[in-house]
Amino acid sequence: MIYPETRNTIKNSFVFSQSLSNFHSMKYFVFLLFLGGSSFAQLSDNAYLLAYKDAVQLYANHQFDNAKARLSPLTGSGNDNPVVPYALYYHALCSYELSDYYQSRVKLRDLFTRFPDWEKIDEARYLYVLANFKENYFDEAFSNAERIDDQIIKSNLQTAEEFYIKPVKSIELLKSLNEKFPNEKIIAETLVHRIQEKPYNTKQELQLSDLLTNRYKLKDTSNAFESGKSGNFSESFEDGTIDIGVFLPFDLKNGNVKTNQYVFDLYAGMKIAAEELKTQNKPVNLVAFDVGKETEDFGRLKSEKGLGNLDVFIGPLYPGPNKEAEAFAMKNKIIQVHPLSNNIDLITDTKTIFLAQSSFDMQASKALTLMMEKTKEKTVSIYFGKYRKDSIMAASYKSEALKLGFKILEYKKFISDNSIGLSLKSGHVFFTGDEEFGSKIIRTLGLRNYNFVSLVSTSGSFNFDKVSRNVLQRELFLIYPDFVDYEKDQVKTFKKAFQKEMNMIPSYYAYLGYDIVIFYSKMLMEGKEIFRLNMNDSYLLDEFTLCGFDYSGYSNDNKKVPVVKFNEGHFEVQNN
């Protein structure tokens, strides 16, 4: 099935626990004493919190029945503990996961009555809306949707409403909903489609269809709406339209919230790009598919009529479905773009698969090339953190350094200050790790009186909200693939358009989604026959919000890698 854009706001299993940080931290164990008529209401705040945390952990382990049993005593009407509204929410969430939508609604209504000013009330209302949609209580769902104030959650509602309203077949039900909720465009749009798809219509129905089409400025939705399709598939280039399939883990069914917010930001940027291109008489048709981690997530799509006529695949993000998608794309001569992966193995021995973000090898190569310009000595010491991605990036840096004639003085996993030698004289030092890693390395280098060496690091090795400017003002060069120059005209223009459309500030992923659609659409405008030639000249284009794209020399790896340095209060790109 094809799914539309969505943003889910059901909290994951630990968010609410973390928001209770005002309680004393304690060792994790639960002591629940039931002595005679005693109850949870009589427990201390600490004991109460521990019981709640135990339930949350059960929820995180998908033991929803056990979690509900543990939460039930915490939700009684006599309790006044600050944790009670959280317990009510999680009880409702467990019921929702168990498909007991009635019980979920009961607990949520209790929450609304007892704690109307709860800080997370909009998240609870969102869950309540979904629980009502699940059992087709549309009036209650839309009534509560209108009471939500949080702008991000309101943007999420649009996709949920689309998902549950689009399949509605009853014209009479849609008419009733349209009368009650005249501001809900999705109801009007679905109603118009149902009228248009009928072989025969009354005069009143046709008049209503025209009225709604004009009122909501609707497009002809016939043949482009069933099952959540966001557009028709068309024969490649036959009608001058570029058809782009977006295979991302929207995860609409499971309602995972902030965990995949980046997916929706990515897609939102793509939609804005497609609309912009249409205004330039360059029609682009985006078709969104919900493809998660499982191989069958793509396999079930193969029967979709016209799937082989798509011009571009964006994604999937996970290896299982990607293997299926890659084979299908190659068989049907479809260009495939990996929007977020840095894995160079994905583009080995292929002419039609591309990385939008540069591989680790390319990132290392570009940083080393810059270091050859900045330093005289071709020597380097390399240190990396505890995570797999750290060792992979370090290995790429070492490999590319050796190719360019560098001598590796040290190559170590950083465990303590002793991991760095006492008398190194490297031309530069490279390090990569988590957001606390960079500060640790620089502190250790200071202890070694090794303060004036040039440093190269991945941007993810620092928390820019916490790191001091003294650290950034060193001879420090950052490999920064997700760098956004907010002074750039294209960034300012896109940010304004995104805020107008989404009522929120765009993330890096929104910028990336926009750039990908703009770039690959323009590369394909003149046809697939000269697509590769256009790609060879791609480095000449400079009209993107981010650093752009460079696939010259028949590369399938993006050669544009921003290496930045902090200067006078902001980061500046140091390489071309």
Protein backbone atom coordinates (compact mmCIF):
# COMPACT_ATOMS: atom_id res chain seq x y z
CA MET A 1 0.00 0.00 0.00
CA ILE A 2 1.08 3.56 -0.67
CA TYR A 3 0.96 5.88 2.28
CA PRO A 4 0.76 9.67 2.28
CA GLU A 5 2.95 12.02 4.25
CA THR A 6 2.50 11.72 7.99
CA ARG A 7 3.97 12.86 11.26
CA ASN A 8 3.13 10.72 14.27
CA THR A 9 3.31 12.16 17.75
CA ILE A 10 2.77 9.22 20.08
CA LYS A 11 5.75 9.40 22.41
CA ASN A 12 8.27 6.55 22.50
CA SER A 13 8.75 4.53 25.62
CA PHE A 14 11.20 6.74 27.49
CA VAL A 15 10.29 10.33 26.64
CA PHE A 16 7.89 10.83 29.50
CA SER A 17 10.22 9.13 31.95
CA GLN A 18 12.94 11.58 31.03
CA SER A 19 10.60 14.52 31.58
CA LEU A 20 10.31 13.53 35.23
CA SER A 21 13.92 14.38 35.95
CA ASN A 22 12.91 16.52 38.93
CA PHE A 23 12.55 13.35 40.96
CA HIS A 24 15.52 11.92 42.84
CA SER A 25 17.55 9.41 40.82
CA MET A 26 17.71 5.98 42.45
CA LYS A 27 19.05 2.53 41.71
CA TYR A 28 16.68 0.69 39.42
CA PHE A 29 14.63 -1.76 41.44
CA VAL A 30 11.00 -1.83 42.43
CA PHE A 31 9.65 -2.61 45.83
CA LEU A 32 5.87 -2.84 45.81
CA LEU A 33 4.38 -3.52 49.23
CA PHE A 34 0.74 -4.33 49.58
CA LEU A 35 0.03 -4.49 53.31
CA GLY A 36 -3.63 -4.80 54.13
CA GLY A 37 -5.48 -1.79 52.75
CA SER A 38 -2.35 0.07 51.59
CA SER A 39 -2.24 1.35 47.99
CA PHE A 40 0.05 3.10 45.57
CA ALA A 41 -1.43 6.40 46.68
CA GLN A 42 0.28 5.86 50.01
CA LEU A 43 3.71 5.19 48.56
CA SER A 44 6.40 7.83 48.58
CA ASP A 45 7.06 9.82 45.43
CA ASN A 46 10.21 7.79 44.84
CA ALA A 47 8.47 4.42 45.18
CA TYR A 48 5.63 5.63 43.01
CA LEU A 49 8.09 6.77 40.34
CA LEU A 50 9.93 3.46 40.42
CA ALA A 51 6.68 1.58 39.86
CA TYR A 52 5.92 3.85 36.93
CA LYS A 53 9.38 3.34 35.43
CA ASP A 54 8.98 -0.41 35.75
CA ALA A 55 5.75 -0.19 33.78
CA VAL A 56 7.38 1.97 31.12
CA GLN A 57 10.15 -0.58 30.75
CA LEU A 58 7.54 -3.31 30.28
CA TYR A 59 5.94 -1.16 27.61
CA ALA A 60 9.31 -0.68 25.91
CA ASN A 61 9.71 -4.47 25.88
CA HIS A 62 6.27 -4.80 24.22
CA GLN A 63 4.81 -6.47 27.32
CA PHE A 64 1.69 -4.35 27.04
CA ASP A 65 -0.60 -6.50 29.20
CA ASN A 66 1.92 -6.58 32.03
CA ALA A 67 2.53 -2.86 31.68
CA LYS A 68 -1.21 -2.17 31.95
CA ALA A 69 -1.46 -4.33 35.05
CA ARG A 70 1.39 -2.40 36.66
CA LEU A 71 -0.05 0.97 35.64
CA SER A 72 -3.67 0.41 36.69
CA PRO A 73 -3.10 1.00 40.45
CA LEU A 74 -1.20 4.18 39.59
CA THR A 75 -4.15 5.78 37.80
CA GLY A 76 -6.81 5.74 40.53
CA SER A 77 -8.90 8.84 41.13
CA GLY A 78 -7.54 9.23 44.67
CA ASN A 79 -3.96 9.65 43.53
CA ASP A 80 -2.48 13.13 43.37
CA ASN A 81 1.09 12.12 42.51
CA PRO A 82 2.59 14.19 39.65
CA VAL A 83 3.21 10.96 37.75
CA VAL A 84 -0.52 10.13 37.48
CA PRO A 85 -1.18 11.82 34.11
CA TYR A 86 1.84 10.04 32.63
CA ALA A 87 0.57 6.73 33.99
CA LEU A 88 -2.86 7.40 32.47
CA TYR A 89 -1.27 8.18 29.13
CA TYR A 90 0.85 5.04 29.10
CA HIS A 91 -2.12 2.92 30.14
CA ALA A 92 -4.02 4.33 27.16
CA LEU A 93 -1.03 3.76 24.92
CA CYS A 94 -0.76 0.10 26.00
CA SER A 95 -4.46 -0.40 25.27
CA TYR A 96 -3.95 1.19 21.87
CA GLU A 97 -1.08 -1.20 21.12
CA LEU A 98 -3.33 -4.10 22.13
CA SER A 99 -6.07 -2.81 19.78
CA ASP A 100 -8.34 -2.13 22.75
CA TYR A 101 -9.29 1.29 21.45
CA TYR A 102 -12.32 1.60 23.72
CA GLN A 103 -10.21 1.23 26.87
CA SER A 104 -7.64 3.62 25.42
CA ARG A 105 -10.33 6.27 24.93
CA VAL A 106 -11.69 5.72 28.45
CA LYS A 107 -8.31 6.36 30.07
CA LEU A 108 -7.66 9.37 27.88
CA ARG A 109 -11.02 10.93 28.73
CA ASP A 110 -10.15 10.41 32.41
CA LEU A 111 -6.86 12.19 31.74
CA PHE A 112 -8.59 15.11 30.01
CA THR A 113 -11.07 15.51 32.87
CA ARG A 114 -8.61 15.31 35.75
CA PHE A 115 -5.59 17.01 34.20
CA PRO A 116 -6.84 19.46 31.53
CA ASP A 117 -3.70 21.59 31.86
CA TRP A 118 -1.20 18.74 31.65
CA GLU A 119 1.91 19.77 29.72
CA LYS A 120 1.57 16.86 27.27
CA ILE A 121 -2.17 17.19 26.71
CA ASP A 122 -1.81 17.67 22.96
CA GLU A 123 0.08 14.37 22.62
CA ALA A 124 -2.74 12.69 24.54
CA ARG A 125 -5.37 14.27 22.31
CA TYR A 126 -3.48 13.08 19.26
CA LEU A 127 -3.60 9.50 20.58
CA TYR A 128 -7.29 9.98 21.32
CA VAL A 129 -7.88 11.12 17.73
CA LEU A 130 -6.12 8.01 16.40
CA ALA A 131 -8.05 5.70 18.71
CA ASN A 132 -11.32 7.18 17.42
CA PHE A 133 -10.23 6.93 13.82
CA LYS A 134 -9.40 3.26 14.37
CA GLU A 135 -13.07 2.51 15.03
CA ASN A 136 -14.47 5.04 12.56
CA TYR A 137 -15.70 7.55 15.17
CA PHE A 138 -14.94 10.39 12.80
CA ASP A 139 -16.99 13.08 14.58
CA GLU A 140 -15.14 12.56 17.85
CA ALA A 141 -11.79 12.35 16.06
CA PHE A 142 -12.17 15.62 14.16
CA SER A 143 -13.73 17.42 17.15
CA ASN A 144 -10.67 16.64 19.26
CA ALA A 145 -8.27 17.32 16.43
CA GLU A 146 -9.56 20.89 16.38
CA ARG A 147 -8.62 21.28 20.07
CA ILE A 148 -4.92 20.58 19.48
CA ASP A 149 -2.72 23.68 19.58
CA ASP A 150 0.78 22.29 19.07
CA GLN A 151 1.84 23.19 15.52
CA ILE A 152 4.02 20.13 14.96
CA ILE A 153 1.26 17.80 16.12
CA LYS A 154 -1.26 19.64 13.96
CA SER A 155 0.95 19.03 10.95
CA ASN A 156 1.06 15.34 11.90
CA LEU A 157 -2.72 15.21 11.99
CA GLN A 158 -2.95 15.99 8.30
CA THR A 159 -1.39 12.67 7.34
CA ALA A 160 -3.41 10.68 9.88
CA GLU A 161 -6.61 12.29 8.62
CA GLU A 162 -5.67 11.50 5.04
CA PHE A 163 -4.94 7.88 5.90
CA TYR A 164 -8.30 7.27 7.58
CA ILE A 165 -10.53 9.45 5.41
CA LYS A 166 -9.32 8.51 1.94
CA PRO A 167 -10.70 4.94 2.11
CA VAL A 168 -14.21 6.13 3.14
CA LYS A 169 -16.66 5.13 0.40
CA SER A 170 -19.93 6.54 1.73
CA ILE A 171 -20.84 9.80 0.04
CA GLU A 172 -23.54 10.45 2.64
CA LEU A 173 -21.06 10.08 5.51
CA LEU A 174 -18.61 12.39 3.76
CA LYS A 175 -21.35 14.95 3.15
CA SER A 176 -22.23 14.88 6.85
CA LEU A 177 -18.61 15.27 7.89
CA ASN A 178 -18.11 18.11 5.44
CA GLU A 179 -21.07 19.98 6.92
CA LYS A 180 -19.75 19.53 10.47
CA PHE A 181 -16.11 20.22 9.68
CA PRO A 182 -16.07 22.63 6.74
CA ASN A 183 -12.41 23.56 7.32
CA GLU A 184 -11.16 20.01 6.79
CA LYS A 185 -9.92 19.99 3.21
CA ILE A 186 -9.26 16.24 3.17
CA ILE A 187 -12.97 15.53 3.75
CA ALA A 188 -13.96 17.78 0.85
CA GLU A 189 -11.26 16.31 -1.36
CA THR A 190 -12.37 12.75 -0.65
CA LEU A 191 -16.01 13.64 -1.18
CA VAL A 192 -15.24 15.20 -4.57
CA HIS A 193 -13.32 12.10 -5.57
CA ARG A 194 -16.16 9.79 -4.57
CA ILE A 195 -18.58 11.85 -6.62
CA GLN A 196 -16.27 11.93 -9.63
CA GLU A 197 -15.65 8.19 -9.61
CA LYS A 198 -19.39 7.34 -9.81
CA PRO A 199 -20.60 6.41 -13.31
CA TYR A 200 -23.80 8.42 -12.75
CA ASN A 201 -24.39 11.44 -10.52
CA THR A 202 -27.36 13.55 -9.56
CA LYS A 203 -27.38 17.19 -10.53
CA GLN A 204 -27.05 18.11 -6.86
CA GLU A 205 -23.94 15.92 -6.48
CA LEU A 206 -22.29 17.48 -9.52
CA GLN A 207 -23.05 20.95 -8.21
CA LEU A 208 -21.62 20.01 -4.83
CA SER A 209 -18.49 18.65 -6.50
CA ASP A 210 -17.99 21.89 -8.42
CA LEU A 211 -18.69 23.99 -5.34
CA LEU A 212 -16.13 22.12 -3.22
CA THR A 213 -13.56 22.08 -6.00
CA ASN A 214 -13.76 25.85 -6.32
CA ARG A 215 -13.98 26.53 -2.59
CA TYR A 216 -10.93 24.45 -1.73
CA LYS A 217 -9.11 25.01 -5.04
CA LEU A 218 -8.95 21.26 -5.57
CA LYS A 219 -7.31 19.58 -8.50
CA ASP A 220 -8.95 16.80 -10.46
CA THR A 221 -8.39 13.85 -8.18
CA SER A 222 -9.71 11.10 -10.41
CA ASN A 223 -7.38 8.11 -10.77
CA ALA A 224 -4.86 9.71 -8.43
CA PHE A 225 -6.29 9.14 -5.01
CA GLU A 226 -7.14 5.50 -4.42
CA SER A 227 -5.25 3.68 -1.68
CA GLY A 228 -3.48 6.86 -0.70
CA LYS A 229 -1.65 7.43 -3.99
CA SER A 230 -0.29 10.95 -4.25
CA GLY A 231 -0.27 10.81 -8.05
CA ASN A 232 -0.55 8.63 -11.12
CA PHE A 233 2.24 6.53 -12.52
CA SER A 234 2.85 7.47 -16.12
CA GLU A 235 4.99 6.04 -18.87
CA SER A 236 8.49 7.47 -18.47
CA PHE A 237 8.68 10.92 -20.06
CA GLU A 238 5.63 10.18 -22.22
CA ASP A 239 3.74 13.13 -20.78
CA GLY A 240 6.78 15.20 -19.85
CA THR A 241 6.29 14.38 -16.16
CA ILE A 242 9.06 12.95 -14.00
CA ASP A 243 7.62 10.30 -11.69
CA ILE A 244 9.54 9.87 -8.44
CA GLY A 245 8.82 7.04 -6.01
CA VAL A 246 9.69 7.89 -2.40
CA PHE A 247 10.31 4.69 -0.40
CA LEU A 248 10.69 5.80 3.21
CA PRO A 249 9.76 4.38 6.66
CA PHE A 250 6.76 6.60 7.41
CA ASP A 251 5.57 3.87 9.81
CA LEU A 252 2.03 5.19 9.86
CA LYS A 253 0.54 1.93 11.12
CA ASN A 254 2.66 1.70 14.26
CA GLY A 255 2.48 5.34 15.22
CA ASN A 256 6.15 5.73 16.12
CA VAL A 257 6.57 9.36 16.99
CA LYS A 258 9.74 11.40 17.10
CA THR A 259 11.90 8.43 16.14
CA ASN A 260 11.33 9.04 12.44
CA GLN A 261 10.60 12.75 12.35
CA TYR A 262 13.49 13.11 9.89
CA VAL A 263 11.54 11.02 7.37
CA PHE A 264 8.66 13.45 7.33
CA ASP A 265 10.97 16.45 7.15
CA LEU A 266 12.73 14.85 4.19
CA TYR A 267 9.45 14.25 2.39
CA ALA A 268 8.08 17.70 3.21
CA GLY A 269 11.12 19.25 1.53
CA MET A 270 10.57 17.03 -1.51
CA LYS A 271 6.95 18.15 -1.80
CA ILE A 272 7.90 21.82 -1.74
CA ALA A 273 10.46 21.19 -4.48
CA ALA A 274 7.89 19.38 -6.64
CA GLU A 275 5.43 22.25 -6.27
CA GLU A 276 8.11 24.78 -7.15
CA LEU A 277 9.09 22.86 -10.28
CA LYS A 278 5.46 22.69 -11.39
CA THR A 279 5.24 26.48 -11.26
CA GLN A 280 8.20 26.49 -13.67
CA ASN A 281 6.33 24.17 -16.07
CA LYS A 282 8.56 21.28 -15.04
CA PRO A 283 6.03 18.75 -13.76
CA VAL A 284 7.22 16.32 -11.11
CA ASN A 285 4.98 13.68 -9.59
CA LEU A 286 5.89 12.36 -6.13
CA VAL A 287 4.43 9.01 -5.06
CA ALA A 288 5.07 8.05 -1.43
CA PHE A 289 5.41 4.45 -0.24
CA ASP A 290 5.70 3.28 3.37
CA VAL A 291 8.74 0.96 3.31
CA GLY A 292 10.30 -0.01 6.62
CA LYS A 293 13.00 -2.50 7.60
CA GLU A 294 11.55 -5.76 6.33
CA THR A 295 12.31 -7.24 2.91
CA GLU A 296 8.62 -7.80 2.24
CA ASP A 297 7.96 -4.08 2.70
CA PHE A 298 9.13 -3.58 -0.84
CA GLY A 299 8.20 -7.04 -2.12
CA ARG A 300 4.49 -6.39 -1.59
CA LEU A 301 4.69 -3.30 -3.79
CA LYS A 302 5.78 -5.17 -6.90
CA SER A 303 2.17 -5.81 -7.86
CA GLU A 304 1.40 -2.09 -7.88
CA LYS A 305 0.31 -1.20 -11.38
CA GLY A 306 2.84 1.01 -13.13
CA LEU A 307 5.58 0.71 -10.49
CA GLY A 308 8.08 -0.11 -13.23
CA ASN A 309 7.23 3.15 -15.01
CA LEU A 310 8.67 5.33 -12.26
CA ASP A 311 11.71 7.32 -13.33
CA VAL A 312 13.43 7.60 -9.94
CA PHE A 313 13.46 5.62 -6.70
CA ILE A 314 14.44 7.57 -3.57
CA GLY A 315 15.31 4.97 -0.91
CA PRO A 316 14.60 2.54 0.66
CA LEU A 317 16.68 3.26 3.75
CA TYR A 318 17.16 -0.29 5.07
CA PRO A 319 19.17 -3.20 3.56
CA GLY A 320 16.36 -5.78 3.37
CA PRO A 321 13.88 -3.88 1.21
CA ASN A 322 16.71 -2.10 -0.60
CA LYS A 323 18.02 -5.35 -2.04
CA GLU A 324 14.60 -6.01 -3.57
CA ALA A 325 14.21 -2.41 -4.73
CA GLU A 326 17.66 -2.33 -6.30
CA ALA A 327 17.00 -5.44 -8.38
CA PHE A 328 13.62 -4.09 -9.48
CA ALA A 329 15.04 -0.67 -10.37
CA MET A 330 17.89 -2.10 -12.40
CA LYS A 331 15.56 -4.45 -14.28
CA ASN A 332 13.26 -1.57 -15.19
CA LYS A 333 16.07 0.96 -15.85
CA ILE A 334 15.00 3.19 -12.97
CA ILE A 335 17.49 5.59 -11.38
CA GLN A 336 17.91 4.98 -7.66
CA VAL A 337 19.06 7.58 -5.13
CA HIS A 338 20.09 6.84 -1.56
CA PRO A 339 19.30 10.03 0.35
CA LEU A 340 21.05 9.33 3.66
CA SER A 341 23.48 6.44 3.30
CA ASN A 342 27.26 6.89 3.27
CA ASN A 343 27.88 3.26 2.28
CA ILE A 344 30.04 3.16 -0.82
CA ASP A 345 29.19 -0.53 -1.34
CA LEU A 346 25.73 0.55 -2.49
CA ILE A 347 27.16 2.11 -5.65
CA THR A 348 29.86 -0.42 -6.48
CA ASP A 349 29.65 -1.76 -10.05
CA THR A 350 26.54 0.20 -10.97
CA LYS A 351 25.74 3.08 -13.30
CA THR A 352 22.26 3.97 -12.09
CA ILE A 353 22.50 4.12 -8.28
CA PHE A 354 23.72 7.28 -6.56
CA LEU A 355 24.55 8.55 -3.09
CA ALA A 356 23.08 11.96 -2.29
CA GLN A 357 25.33 12.20 0.76
CA SER A 358 28.99 11.50 0.16
CA SER A 359 30.49 8.18 1.21
CA PHE A 360 32.92 8.06 4.13
CA ASP A 361 35.71 7.46 1.61
CA MET A 362 34.81 10.61 -0.29
CA GLN A 363 34.52 12.65 2.91
CA ALA A 364 37.96 11.48 4.00
CA SER A 365 39.48 12.14 0.58
CA LYS A 366 38.19 15.71 0.45
CA ALA A 367 39.39 16.50 3.97
CA LEU A 368 42.84 15.04 3.25
CA THR A 369 43.10 17.03 0.03
CA LEU A 370 42.42 20.18 2.02
CA MET A 371 45.04 19.19 4.60
CA MET A 372 47.65 18.84 1.85
CA GLU A 373 46.99 22.49 1.07
CA LYS A 374 47.03 23.61 4.71
CA THR A 375 49.95 21.63 6.17
CA LYS A 376 53.41 20.72 4.90
CA GLU A 377 53.86 17.35 6.58
CA LYS A 378 51.98 14.39 5.12
CA THR A 379 51.65 12.59 8.45
CA VAL A 380 48.49 11.94 10.44
CA SER A 381 47.38 10.40 13.74
CA ILE A 382 43.90 8.87 13.78
CA TYR A 383 41.66 8.27 16.82
CA PHE A 384 38.13 6.96 16.94
CA GLY A 385 35.35 6.29 19.44
CA LYS A 386 33.49 3.22 20.58
CA TYR A 387 30.76 3.00 17.96
CA ARG A 388 30.88 1.04 14.73
CA LYS A 389 30.37 4.12 12.58
CA ASP A 390 33.41 5.68 14.25
CA SER A 391 35.70 2.79 13.35
CA ILE A 392 34.28 2.69 9.80
CA MET A 393 34.97 6.38 9.27
CA ALA A 394 38.45 6.07 10.79
CA ALA A 395 39.21 3.13 8.52
CA SER A 396 38.13 5.17 5.49
CA TYR A 397 40.35 8.05 6.59
CA LYS A 398 43.32 5.73 7.00
CA SER A 399 42.73 4.08 3.63
CA GLU A 400 42.40 7.38 1.77
CA ALA A 401 45.42 8.82 3.59
CA LEU A 402 47.60 5.93 2.45
CA LYS A 403 46.36 6.36 -1.13
CA LEU A 404 47.47 10.00 -1.03
CA GLY A 405 50.91 9.17 0.36
CA PHE A 406 50.35 10.05 4.04
CA LYS A 407 52.23 8.25 6.80
CA ILE A 408 50.04 7.01 9.66
CA LEU A 409 51.77 7.70 12.98
CA GLU A 410 49.00 6.39 15.24
CA TYR A 411 45.72 4.61 14.53
CA LYS A 412 43.87 3.88 17.78
CA LYS A 413 40.56 3.51 19.47
CA PHE A 414 40.55 6.28 22.09
CA ILE A 415 39.90 4.82 25.53
CA SER A 416 41.75 7.20 27.88
CA ASP A 417 44.34 9.98 27.86
CA ASN A 418 47.03 7.31 27.48
CA SER A 419 45.64 6.42 24.05
CA ILE A 420 47.51 9.39 22.57
CA GLY A 421 51.30 9.24 22.36
CA LEU A 422 53.50 11.62 24.33
CA SER A 423 55.77 12.85 21.56
CA LEU A 424 53.79 12.86 18.33
CA LYS A 425 54.61 15.36 15.62
CA SER A 426 51.81 14.72 13.14
CA GLY A 427 51.06 17.05 10.31
CA HIS A 428 47.48 16.80 11.52
CA VAL A 429 45.24 14.73 13.79
CA PHE A 430 41.95 13.16 12.71
CA PHE A 431 39.31 11.98 15.18
CA THR A 432 35.72 10.82 15.07
CA GLY A 433 33.26 9.81 17.77
CA ASP A 434 30.07 10.83 19.56
CA GLU A 435 29.20 14.42 20.45
CA GLU A 436 31.32 14.38 23.62
CA PHE A 437 34.31 12.81 21.89
CA GLY A 438 35.83 15.91 20.30
CA SER A 439 36.19 17.79 23.56
CA LYS A 440 37.88 14.77 25.18
CA ILE A 441 40.44 14.50 22.39
CA ILE A 442 41.25 18.21 22.43
CA ARG A 443 41.63 18.19 26.23
CA THR A 444 44.02 15.23 26.01
CA LEU A 445 46.04 16.91 23.27
CA GLY A 446 46.35 19.91 25.57
CA LEU A 447 47.67 17.70 28.35
CA ARG A 448 50.27 16.44 25.89
CA ASN A 449 51.28 20.05 25.06
CA TYR A 450 50.11 19.31 21.56
CA ASN A 451 48.05 22.45 21.09
CA PHE A 452 49.11 23.82 17.74
CA VAL A 453 48.56 20.87 15.44
CA SER A 454 45.86 21.07 12.78
CA LEU A 455 42.79 19.02 13.64
CA VAL A 456 40.25 17.32 11.38
CA SER A 457 37.08 15.84 12.80
CA THR A 458 33.58 14.80 11.91
CA SER A 459 30.94 17.36 12.91
CA GLY A 460 29.15 14.68 14.94
CA SER A 461 32.08 14.61 17.37
CA PHE A 462 30.85 17.86 18.96
CA ASN A 463 27.71 19.10 20.61
CA PHE A 464 27.63 22.63 19.21
CA ASP A 465 25.14 23.73 21.85
CA LYS A 466 27.67 23.00 24.60
CA VAL A 467 31.16 23.21 23.13
CA SER A 468 33.11 26.37 23.98
CA ARG A 469 34.17 28.84 21.32
CA ASN A 470 37.77 28.44 22.45
CA VAL A 471 37.65 24.87 21.17
CA LEU A 472 36.07 25.85 17.86
CA GLN A 473 38.54 28.69 17.29
CA ARG A 474 41.47 26.28 17.13
CA GLU A 475 42.92 25.11 13.83
CA LEU A 476 39.95 22.75 13.63
CA PHE A 477 38.41 21.60 10.35
CA LEU A 478 35.08 19.77 10.45
CA ILE A 479 33.75 17.32 7.88
CA TYR A 480 30.17 18.55 7.98
CA PRO A 481 27.85 16.79 5.46
CA ASP A 482 24.72 18.29 7.04
CA PHE A 483 26.04 21.85 7.10
CA VAL A 484 23.45 24.55 6.38
CA ASP A 485 24.64 28.08 5.60
CA TYR A 486 21.76 30.18 6.93
CA GLU A 487 23.10 33.29 5.20
CA LYS A 488 22.65 31.69 1.79
CA ASP A 489 19.83 33.19 -0.30
CA GLN A 490 18.45 29.78 -1.29
CA VAL A 491 18.29 28.77 2.37
CA LYS A 492 16.40 31.92 3.33
CA THR A 493 13.92 31.45 0.48
CA PHE A 494 13.28 27.80 1.28
CA LYS A 495 13.00 28.45 5.01
CA LYS A 496 10.30 31.02 4.37
CA ALA A 497 8.38 28.67 2.06
CA PHE A 498 8.70 25.76 4.50
CA GLN A 499 7.49 27.79 7.47
CA LYS A 500 4.52 29.02 5.48
CA GLU A 501 3.60 25.48 4.45
CA MET A 502 4.45 23.54 7.62
CA ASN A 503 4.33 26.13 10.43
CA MET A 504 7.73 25.01 11.67
CA ILE A 505 11.41 25.63 11.05
CA PRO A 506 12.98 23.24 8.51
CA SER A 507 15.58 20.73 9.64
CA TYR A 508 18.60 19.65 7.61
CA TYR A 509 16.53 16.77 6.24
CA ALA A 510 13.94 19.14 4.82
CA TYR A 511 16.67 21.04 2.96
CA LEU A 512 18.13 17.75 1.71
CA GLY A 513 14.77 16.47 0.45
CA TYR A 514 14.22 19.72 -1.42
CA ASP A 515 17.66 19.66 -3.03
CA ILE A 516 17.41 16.02 -4.11
CA VAL A 517 14.14 16.53 -5.98
CA ILE A 518 15.32 19.79 -7.57
CA PHE A 519 18.61 18.27 -8.67
CA TYR A 520 17.53 14.91 -10.03
CA SER A 521 14.49 16.41 -11.74
CA LYS A 522 16.67 18.90 -13.57
CA MET A 523 19.12 16.17 -14.52
CA LEU A 524 16.24 14.22 -16.08
CA MET A 525 14.33 17.03 -17.77
CA GLU A 526 15.91 16.33 -21.14
CA GLY A 527 15.50 12.57 -20.89
CA LYS A 528 17.40 9.58 -19.59
CA GLU A 529 19.49 9.40 -22.75
CA ILE A 530 21.63 12.35 -21.71
CA PHE A 531 21.10 12.03 -17.96
CA ARG A 532 24.65 10.78 -17.42
CA LEU A 533 26.11 13.63 -19.46
CA ASN A 534 24.15 16.11 -17.37
CA MET A 535 25.47 14.46 -14.24
CA ASN A 536 29.04 14.96 -15.43
CA ASP A 537 28.35 18.71 -15.52
CA SER A 538 26.50 18.70 -12.21
CA TYR A 539 29.27 20.52 -10.35
CA LEU A 540 28.47 23.62 -12.39
CA LEU A 541 25.04 24.04 -10.78
CA ASP A 542 24.86 26.30 -7.73
CA GLU A 543 21.19 26.69 -6.89
CA PHE A 544 20.74 24.46 -3.87
CA THR A 545 20.14 25.10 -0.19
CA LEU A 546 22.99 22.78 0.85
CA CYS A 547 26.44 22.30 -0.67
CA GLY A 548 25.10 20.82 -3.90
CA PHE A 549 26.03 17.82 -6.01
CA ASP A 550 29.04 16.76 -8.05
CA TYR A 551 28.96 13.50 -10.00
CA SER A 552 31.54 14.54 -12.55
CA GLY A 553 33.90 11.99 -14.05
CA TYR A 554 31.12 9.40 -14.11
CA SER A 555 31.11 9.23 -10.32
CA ASN A 556 28.09 7.80 -8.52
CA ASP A 557 29.36 9.25 -5.24
CA ASN A 558 28.62 12.90 -4.49
CA LYS A 559 31.95 14.73 -4.53
CA LYS A 560 30.58 17.81 -2.78
CA VAL A 561 31.76 17.53 0.82
CA PRO A 562 31.63 20.66 2.98
CA VAL A 563 34.69 20.93 5.23
CA VAL A 564 34.11 23.93 7.49
CA LYS A 565 36.04 26.05 9.96
CA PHE A 566 34.75 28.36 12.67
CA ASN A 567 35.55 31.97 11.88
CA GLU A 568 34.24 35.17 13.47
CA GLY A 569 31.23 33.56 15.06
CA HIS A 570 30.11 31.22 12.31
CA PHE A 571 31.23 28.27 10.20
CA GLU A 572 32.69 28.85 6.75
CA VAL A 573 33.27 26.26 4.03
CA GLN A 574 36.99 25.87 3.38
CA ASN A 575 36.94 23.72 0.25
CA ASN A 576 35.23 24.02 -3.14
